[in-house]
Amino acid sequence: MPSNYLKELNNIIANQLITSVYQPIVSLRDGSVLGYEALSRGPTNSILASPDKLFDIAAKHNKSWKLDYLCRKTAITTAKKMLTNQLLFLNVEPNILYDKRFHQGTTKKLLDKHQLDSDNIIFEITEKTAIDDYTNFRAILDNYRNQGYRIALDDVGSGYSGLTLLAKTAPQFIKIDIELIKNIHTDTTKQAIVKALVDVSNATHMTIIAEGIEIKEELLTLITLGVQYGQGFYLSRPAVKFHKLDGELIQFIKNAYLKKEDFTRNTRLSTPISEITTKQIFFSSNTLGKEILEYLHTNHDHMDIIIVDDNKPVGLISREFFLSNLATNYGMSIYSNRPVKLLIDTNPLILEYTTPVEQATKAAMARASDHIYDSIIITKNDEYFGITTIKALLEITTKIELNRAKNANPLTGLPGNQIIDWESNRYINHLIPFSAIYIDLDNFKVYNDVYGYDAGDTVLTTTANILSACLKRTCSEYFLGHIGGDDFITFIPTVEIEAICKNIIDQFAKESKTFYSLEHQKQGYVTAKNRSDKIEQFPLMTISLAVVVVNKNEKITSKKLAAKAAEVKKICKETWENNFVVNYYN
């Protein structure tokens, strides 16, 4: 007699009682939908309503092929009505791939019937099943790749074979298991594993997808780690119809990605320390020693113990200091059932979350040697905000300095064109009101011809120093870059620009005289050949500032900004004198 489970399975297959639901796979850069994973469900009130139970019973009674085919058929048939240019991810058990009926092109026939292309289909293979013959399995996968299908390795990080299967199968998509994603924002080990998988995906051109995103903090952490795509209840639950994300969530993802990109590209040590702050758990000063000990036994991250009363940080206890005190002859009896206030360092380094990284690093390194590796407590409006570490500080300062050196102009040391582009996009994308000043030296080529390239280089480095000094004196925040030759650019987050321009012009007029001999200073010009190879008198060098003021203009782009600046520059250079022209972008 067949069991009740088998009867129900036969009923489901015979009457095609499978329902397909679809969960979007979302870009963690802009919130767009890459594709949908098709998930199969049994009848709601059935004893096989659970997908896991349904497929387990099918495998037990050798009906996996029939159930799998029904699920694929239902998924493709239903999706046809909704698919445009998205991908459709179909779950396939690895053992099904060996079935000769699968080899006979059943999926291709379904696609042809519904006028769908195999390029849109991703076979999603779980890592949870053990693979015994990698060579044969890889040959089977290659067969499907040759037909235009692509492969996603599902549940990476959860199965028997781990990285071996990843290396042997070389899938186009890597789907990280939900257990690695759960609470990833509080687990540095999980973060390190996912970051390693991101590095693998970048090196091998595999696309990485994080499964099971259920809370905002997980989403933010994954964006920060560079994960390309994600899916999960926080983004959208599976549904019988294709869903897109709501507008607010799309904007949230875009903003988080832009912030991450800004942070990655940032070349300034003025980056606030909040950018490398982690939300570590804290305890009150009345917490018993045994509670702290239990926490340390279950949490293997080598973090200090942060003590907070009434949202105000009151100190910290070094992990090593705490454990060493408990390791003494009477340590357990003294501290186990007593409040940890007895062991608190009440003078830790506490910094406000807006503190620049450069300032934080100096303060941290100025501590006594026995406290130099202690965590740094971060506050926001004097309340506990989180912590950072010396390791995190050194990593970001090193990264900033290397990035700045890599992209700097070799003569002046100022950021070059790539960083200039990043910075202009930062202002434009975030709709920050700003002024862009394009700075050009008039008659610099003639000066080079008369005085030589060494003297010309001195002019450029001196000009860079003049600009830096003026901006530092007149602006609380600014960016200065060297486009090349005698062209510089600065972005300043203000639309009140005239006083700054006057200061630059006055300073340049004063110092530029020293570039010339006394004879040329007295004459007020130099004699050189013009482009027609005729002798001509040229005025002494002057500086032109072409200013474009942008006030939250949503239509502007970097290209349009450069074009507008070129127009202003022409007006500026109509007179050979130190001057500036301001144009307001409309």
Foldseek 3Di string as FASTA:
>chain_A
DDDPLVVLLCVCLVVLQKAWWWFFKAFLAQQDTQAIEIDIAGDPPDPRRDVVSSCVVCVVVVNNLSVLLSSLLNQLVLCLVPDDPHAYEREDELVNLPDVVVVVCSNVVSCVVSVHALLRYEYEYEQADDDDDLVVSLVSQVVSVVSNHFYEYEQAPPHDQHVVSCVSNVGQEYEHHQVLLVVVLAAVVSLVVVLVVQVVCVVSVRAYEYEADDDPSSSLSCLLSPHTIYTHVVQPDIGSHDDGGDPVVSVVSNVSNLVSVCLLLPQDLQPFQLVQFGADDAAAQFDALQVVVVVCVVHVPQAWHWHDDPQATQFTAHPVNSVVQCPDPCSCVVGRGGGNNVRGDRDAAEEERSGGLVVVLVVLCPDDPVCSFHWYFYDHVRGGDGIHTNVSSVVSVVSSVVSQQVQADPLQSAGEDVSVQSVVCSCLVVLQWKKKKKKAKPCLVVLCVVPHVVLSSVVQNVLVVLLVVLCVVPAPDKGKGDHDRRIIMMMGRDQPPPVSLVSSQVSCVVPQLVSDDPVCSVVQWDWDADPVRDIDTGGRMGMEIEMETERSDNPDDPVNVVVSSVVSVVVRVPDRHHDYDYDYDD
